[in-house]
């Protein structure tokens, strides 16, 4: 069961090397697009960026490339990726191979996009030209959900089982090799790396917890510790800024909270909708925050004081 279906119910009561599958994909525009216009906006004040119904209720992703283009999955229909060039300006970028549906998106330093394909147990790689490859495939995954990427290109993938409330955590090497890091967790969902690449944050939606792990150079995790415990609502995607603060989408609460590296609650950003699914930093200076909104099929935006960690990767 995909996560937004699971949350609707709650609120109501092996790897393989990269394989070229571009022949089954469709790219509708190129990737050379100017950055977002500099829309001045009050700090931590959310506004609409893309209107209701532009994306399906499977809206997720999101991630910004080195040209400042925002990419979000499930534009108009499931199994697509839309490119948001500016406010209220969205176009179809890629149609994924038949049967694949994307969730979390990240970029590496080379401009390659990685997409969690939760239906087919894949991490997809999409080149800047729109060529779609299977970067990693693991049949033992429940459904890869969200992904984080270290500066060296190593990927970490959350892997929830929404039916039984459990989850796993995986590492995916730059060559596509997959390693199970943690089993028998709660419903693993949002995942993010600290700016110094030494801490991995993983949240559990149903249990409302955020865990912190110590990362070594090999990408192994240790010293699991409870970072933050919420008392209500769900947790979804997360991002860090360049100061190490953690931004957390609070599904059902209609807010993004900002936590310091010492787990102090710094800010609560109220959104217009109640169901944020994920977060990305972008804009001209990397301080604009984009929030995908599930029920609305829309994107909201606010400005932070700090640029996102991922902005420094480009």
Protein backbone atom coordinates (compact mmCIF):
# COMPACT_ATOMS: atom_id res chain seq x y z
CA UNK A 1 0.00 0.00 0.00
CA UNK A 2 1.51 3.33 -1.00
CA UNK A 3 1.92 5.80 1.81
CA UNK A 4 -0.78 8.33 0.93
CA UNK A 5 -3.40 5.58 0.79
CA UNK A 6 -2.22 4.32 4.18
CA UNK A 7 -2.45 7.79 5.72
CA UNK A 8 -5.96 8.27 4.34
CA UNK A 9 -6.99 5.16 6.28
CA UNK A 10 -5.22 6.33 9.43
CA UNK A 11 -6.82 9.76 9.35
CA UNK A 12 -10.22 8.18 8.81
CA UNK A 13 -10.24 5.80 11.72
CA UNK A 14 19.68 -8.55 -4.64
CA UNK A 15 20.82 -5.70 -7.04
CA UNK A 16 21.54 -5.39 -10.77
CA UNK A 17 23.80 -3.12 -12.79
CA UNK A 18 22.43 -0.16 -14.70
CA UNK A 19 20.22 -1.27 -17.58
CA UNK A 20 19.21 1.01 -20.42
CA UNK A 21 15.42 1.26 -20.63
CA UNK A 22 15.26 4.64 -22.31
CA UNK A 23 13.40 3.17 -25.28
CA UNK A 24 10.35 2.79 -23.01
CA UNK A 25 10.51 6.40 -21.77
CA UNK A 26 9.38 9.72 -23.16
CA UNK A 27 11.16 13.08 -22.76
CA UNK A 28 9.19 16.13 -23.85
CA UNK A 29 11.63 18.99 -23.35
CA UNK A 30 15.31 19.62 -22.85
CA UNK A 31 17.03 20.42 -19.59
CA UNK A 32 18.55 23.83 -20.35
CA UNK A 33 16.24 26.21 -18.56
CA UNK A 34 16.86 29.46 -16.74
CA UNK A 35 16.69 29.60 -12.96
CA UNK A 36 13.55 30.63 -11.11
CA UNK A 37 12.74 34.30 -11.14
CA UNK A 38 13.64 35.99 -7.88
CA UNK A 39 10.19 36.29 -6.31
CA UNK A 40 10.56 38.27 -3.07
CA UNK A 41 8.67 36.69 -0.23
CA UNK A 42 8.45 37.01 3.54
CA UNK A 43 10.68 34.53 5.37
CA UNK A 44 8.85 31.41 6.63
CA UNK A 45 5.56 32.52 5.09
CA UNK A 46 4.02 29.93 2.75
CA UNK A 47 2.40 30.85 -0.56
CA UNK A 48 1.07 28.82 -3.48
CA UNK A 49 3.69 28.09 -6.14
CA UNK A 50 1.88 25.55 -8.34
CA UNK A 51 -1.91 25.40 -8.26
CA UNK A 52 -4.25 22.62 -7.11
CA UNK A 53 -4.64 19.58 -9.35
CA UNK A 54 -1.50 20.16 -11.41
CA UNK A 55 -0.09 16.94 -9.95
CA UNK A 56 -1.88 13.82 -8.72
CA UNK A 57 -2.27 12.99 -5.03
CA UNK A 58 0.92 10.98 -5.52
CA UNK A 59 2.85 14.26 -5.71
CA UNK A 60 6.34 13.75 -4.29
CA UNK A 61 9.99 14.22 -5.14
CA UNK A 62 10.91 17.10 -5.12
CA UNK A 63 14.43 18.16 -6.14
CA UNK A 64 16.11 21.10 -7.86
CA UNK A 65 18.86 20.72 -10.45
CA UNK A 66 21.88 22.95 -11.12
CA UNK A 67 19.83 25.05 -13.56
CA UNK A 68 17.30 25.87 -10.84
CA UNK A 69 14.55 23.67 -12.28
CA UNK A 70 12.29 21.93 -9.76
CA UNK A 71 11.32 18.34 -10.55
CA UNK A 72 8.28 16.65 -8.99
CA UNK A 73 6.78 13.22 -9.65
CA UNK A 74 3.30 12.40 -10.96
CA UNK A 75 2.53 15.43 -13.09
CA UNK A 76 -1.09 15.14 -14.31
CA UNK A 77 -0.92 11.35 -14.06
CA UNK A 78 0.98 8.65 -12.17
CA UNK A 79 4.32 7.54 -13.61
CA UNK A 80 5.49 10.94 -14.84
CA UNK A 81 7.89 13.64 -13.74
CA UNK A 82 7.08 17.31 -14.21
CA UNK A 83 9.56 20.18 -14.52
CA UNK A 84 8.55 23.38 -12.74
CA UNK A 85 10.38 26.21 -14.48
CA UNK A 86 8.90 29.05 -12.49
CA UNK A 87 5.79 30.00 -10.54
CA UNK A 88 2.75 28.31 -12.13
CA UNK A 89 4.89 27.15 -15.06
CA UNK A 90 5.06 23.35 -15.19
CA UNK A 91 5.68 21.01 -18.11
CA UNK A 92 5.96 17.25 -18.55
CA UNK A 93 9.61 16.22 -18.53
CA UNK A 94 9.69 12.41 -18.48
CA UNK A 95 7.22 9.55 -18.62
CA UNK A 96 8.69 6.61 -16.73
CA UNK A 97 8.69 3.06 -18.17
CA UNK A 98 5.36 1.27 -17.93
CA UNK A 99 4.65 0.05 -14.41
CA UNK A 100 7.10 2.41 -12.70
CA UNK A 101 5.91 5.17 -10.36
CA UNK A 102 8.34 7.56 -8.74
CA UNK A 103 8.51 8.90 -5.21
CA UNK A 104 11.63 10.56 -3.76
CA UNK A 105 14.08 12.34 -6.11
CA UNK A 106 17.70 13.44 -5.60
CA UNK A 107 20.51 14.75 -7.82
CA UNK A 108 24.23 13.93 -7.69
CA UNK A 109 27.06 16.33 -8.48
CA UNK A 110 27.08 15.25 -12.12
CA UNK A 111 23.46 16.28 -12.70
CA UNK A 112 22.08 12.75 -12.76
CA UNK A 113 18.65 12.34 -11.18
CA UNK A 114 17.83 9.36 -8.97
CA UNK A 115 14.22 8.33 -8.39
CA UNK A 116 12.75 5.81 -5.95
CA UNK A 117 10.48 3.59 -8.06
CA UNK A 118 8.32 2.07 -5.33
CA UNK A 119 6.27 -0.21 -7.59
CA UNK A 120 9.13 -2.07 -9.27
CA UNK A 121 11.61 -2.02 -6.35
CA UNK A 122 14.08 0.13 -8.26
CA UNK A 123 16.25 3.15 -7.84
CA UNK A 124 16.12 4.73 -11.28
CA UNK A 125 18.81 6.95 -12.75
CA UNK A 126 17.83 9.61 -15.27
CA UNK A 127 20.55 11.47 -17.16
CA UNK A 128 20.30 15.21 -17.87
CA UNK A 129 19.24 14.23 -21.39
CA UNK A 130 16.29 12.22 -20.02
CA UNK A 131 17.67 8.71 -20.54
CA UNK A 132 16.14 6.39 -17.93
CA UNK A 133 18.26 3.60 -16.44
CA UNK A 134 17.78 1.10 -13.64
CA UNK A 135 20.54 2.10 -11.24
CA UNK A 136 19.65 -0.55 -8.65
CA UNK A 137 17.02 -3.27 -8.27
CA UNK A 138 16.33 -5.14 -5.04
CA UNK A 139 13.38 -7.61 -4.84
CA UNK A 140 13.65 -7.69 -1.04
CA UNK A 141 12.66 -4.04 -0.79
CA UNK A 142 9.08 -3.42 0.33
CA UNK A 143 8.90 -0.26 -1.75
CA UNK A 144 11.74 2.28 -1.87
CA UNK A 145 10.12 5.49 -0.73
CA UNK A 146 12.42 8.42 -0.06
CA UNK A 147 16.13 8.76 -0.78
CA UNK A 148 19.05 10.86 0.44
CA UNK A 149 22.40 11.27 -1.25
CA UNK A 150 25.82 11.89 0.22
CA UNK A 151 28.32 14.24 -1.44
CA UNK A 152 30.15 11.24 -2.93
CA UNK A 153 26.97 9.96 -4.61
CA UNK A 154 26.14 7.13 -2.19
CA UNK A 155 22.36 6.86 -1.75
CA UNK A 156 20.33 5.93 1.32
CA UNK A 157 16.77 4.69 0.79
CA UNK A 158 13.90 4.34 3.23
CA UNK A 159 11.71 1.30 2.68
CA UNK A 160 8.41 1.19 4.59
CA UNK A 161 5.86 -1.60 4.81
CA UNK A 162 2.68 0.41 5.32
CA UNK A 163 0.55 -2.68 5.94
CA UNK A 164 2.41 -3.87 9.05
CA UNK A 165 3.92 -0.59 10.23
CA UNK A 166 7.52 -1.74 9.82
CA UNK A 167 10.37 -0.64 7.58
CA UNK A 168 13.96 -0.99 6.44
CA UNK A 169 16.92 1.18 5.49
CA UNK A 170 19.18 0.52 2.49
CA UNK A 171 22.42 1.86 1.06
CA UNK A 172 22.97 2.05 -2.69
CA UNK A 173 26.54 2.46 -3.94
CA UNK A 174 27.48 4.53 -6.97
CA UNK A 175 27.78 1.27 -8.97
CA UNK A 176 24.26 0.17 -7.96
CA UNK A 177 25.26 -2.37 -5.31
CA UNK A 178 22.59 -2.58 -2.61
CA UNK A 179 23.19 -3.24 1.11
CA UNK A 180 20.58 -3.60 3.86
CA UNK A 181 21.66 -1.32 6.70
CA UNK A 182 18.75 -1.71 9.11
CA UNK A 183 15.79 -4.08 9.30
CA UNK A 184 12.89 -4.16 11.73
CA UNK A 185 12.48 -0.41 12.05
CA UNK A 186 9.17 1.44 12.13
CA UNK A 187 7.61 2.84 8.95
CA UNK A 188 10.78 4.41 7.54
CA UNK A 189 9.99 7.43 5.41
CA UNK A 190 11.93 10.71 5.31
CA UNK A 191 15.71 10.35 5.12
CA UNK A 192 18.45 12.98 4.96
CA UNK A 193 22.20 13.49 5.36
CA UNK A 194 23.79 16.26 7.44
CA UNK A 195 25.96 18.85 5.65
CA UNK A 196 29.17 17.25 6.98
CA UNK A 197 28.00 13.82 5.74
CA UNK A 198 28.54 12.34 9.22
CA UNK A 199 24.92 11.97 10.35
CA UNK A 200 21.99 10.20 8.69
CA UNK A 201 18.47 11.12 9.79
CA UNK A 202 15.63 8.64 9.27
CA UNK A 203 12.05 9.16 10.38
CA UNK A 204 9.27 6.66 11.07
CA UNK A 205 5.86 7.97 10.01
CA UNK A 206 3.55 5.84 12.13
CA UNK A 207 5.77 5.95 15.23
CA UNK A 208 6.37 9.72 14.81
CA UNK A 209 10.08 9.38 15.56
CA UNK A 210 13.24 10.73 13.98
CA UNK A 211 16.39 8.66 14.48
CA UNK A 212 19.97 9.85 14.00
CA UNK A 213 22.78 7.51 12.96
CA UNK A 214 26.51 8.10 12.77
CA UNK A 215 27.83 7.60 9.23
CA UNK A 216 31.38 6.43 8.53
CA UNK A 217 33.28 6.87 5.25
CA UNK A 218 32.08 3.48 3.98
CA UNK A 219 28.45 4.50 4.48
CA UNK A 220 27.84 2.16 7.43
CA UNK A 221 25.54 3.37 10.20
CA UNK A 222 26.07 3.09 13.96
CA UNK A 223 25.12 4.75 17.24
CA UNK A 224 21.37 4.79 16.59
CA UNK A 225 19.80 7.42 18.83
CA UNK A 226 16.39 9.03 19.15
CA UNK A 227 16.68 12.53 17.72
CA UNK A 228 13.10 13.77 18.12
CA UNK A 229 9.71 12.34 19.12
CA UNK A 230 6.43 13.92 18.04
CA UNK A 231 3.13 13.27 19.83
CA UNK A 232 0.72 13.59 16.92
CA UNK A 233 0.33 13.54 13.13
CA UNK A 234 2.64 11.88 10.63
CA UNK A 235 6.15 12.49 9.33
CA UNK A 236 7.23 12.60 5.73
CA UNK A 237 10.13 14.03 3.71
CA UNK A 238 13.09 15.87 5.28
CA UNK A 239 15.92 18.18 4.17
CA UNK A 240 18.83 19.92 5.87
CA UNK A 241 20.05 23.46 5.31
CA UNK A 242 23.69 24.49 5.20
CA UNK A 243 23.67 25.11 8.97
CA UNK A 244 22.64 21.53 9.66
CA UNK A 245 19.05 22.37 10.63
CA UNK A 246 16.54 19.67 9.73
CA UNK A 247 13.26 20.56 7.95
CA UNK A 248 10.50 17.99 8.46
CA UNK A 249 7.19 17.69 6.59
CA UNK A 250 4.45 17.04 9.18
CA UNK A 251 1.76 15.12 7.31
CA UNK A 252 -1.73 15.93 8.58
CA UNK A 253 -0.47 18.85 10.67
CA UNK A 254 -0.10 21.18 7.69
CA UNK A 255 3.33 22.37 8.70
CA UNK A 256 7.08 22.11 8.21
CA UNK A 257 9.09 22.16 11.42
CA UNK A 258 12.72 23.19 11.64
CA UNK A 259 14.91 21.37 14.17
CA UNK A 260 18.46 22.37 15.12
CA UNK A 261 21.32 19.81 15.02
CA UNK A 262 20.81 19.56 18.78
CA UNK A 263 17.13 18.67 18.29
CA UNK A 264 15.76 22.04 19.42
CA UNK A 265 12.53 23.16 17.76
CA UNK A 266 13.46 26.40 15.98
CA UNK A 267 10.51 27.14 13.70
CA UNK A 268 7.06 25.91 12.75
CA UNK A 269 6.03 26.99 9.27
CA UNK A 270 2.27 26.86 8.77
CA UNK A 271 1.18 25.74 5.31
CA UNK A 272 -2.07 26.39 3.45
CA UNK A 273 -2.76 22.67 3.02
CA UNK A 274 -2.65 19.96 5.69
CA UNK A 275 -0.78 17.18 3.90
CA UNK A 276 2.84 18.01 2.98
CA UNK A 277 4.76 15.06 1.56
CA UNK A 278 8.26 16.35 0.88
CA UNK A 279 10.61 19.32 0.74
CA UNK A 280 13.33 20.74 -1.52
CA UNK A 281 15.53 23.84 -1.46
CA UNK A 282 16.10 25.92 -4.57
CA UNK A 283 15.72 29.42 -5.95
CA UNK A 284 18.49 31.75 -6.98
CA UNK A 285 20.29 31.64 -3.62
CA UNK A 286 19.16 28.20 -2.47
CA UNK A 287 16.95 29.66 0.28
CA UNK A 288 13.58 29.05 -1.37
CA UNK A 289 11.81 25.98 0.03
CA UNK A 290 9.31 24.00 -2.05
CA UNK A 291 6.77 21.74 -0.38
CA UNK A 292 4.71 19.13 -2.24
CA UNK A 293 1.11 18.93 -0.99
CA UNK A 294 -0.69 15.62 -1.37
CA UNK A 295 -4.43 16.26 -1.22
CA UNK A 296 -4.07 19.46 -3.21
CA UNK A 297 -1.78 18.05 -5.91
CA UNK A 298 -0.03 21.40 -5.56
CA UNK A 299 3.25 22.97 -4.46
CA UNK A 300 3.66 25.59 -1.77
CA UNK A 301 6.77 27.67 -1.16
CA UNK A 302 8.44 29.73 1.55
CA UNK A 303 11.82 31.31 2.13
CA UNK A 304 14.32 30.23 4.78
CA UNK A 305 17.14 32.24 6.31
CA UNK A 306 19.60 29.63 5.05
CA UNK A 307 20.34 27.83 1.82
CA UNK A 308 19.73 24.12 1.57
CA UNK A 309 22.56 21.64 1.89
CA UNK A 310 21.84 20.22 -1.59
CA UNK A 311 22.31 23.68 -3.13
CA UNK A 312 26.06 23.38 -2.45
CA UNK A 313 26.32 20.09 -4.39
CA UNK A 314 25.84 21.78 -7.78
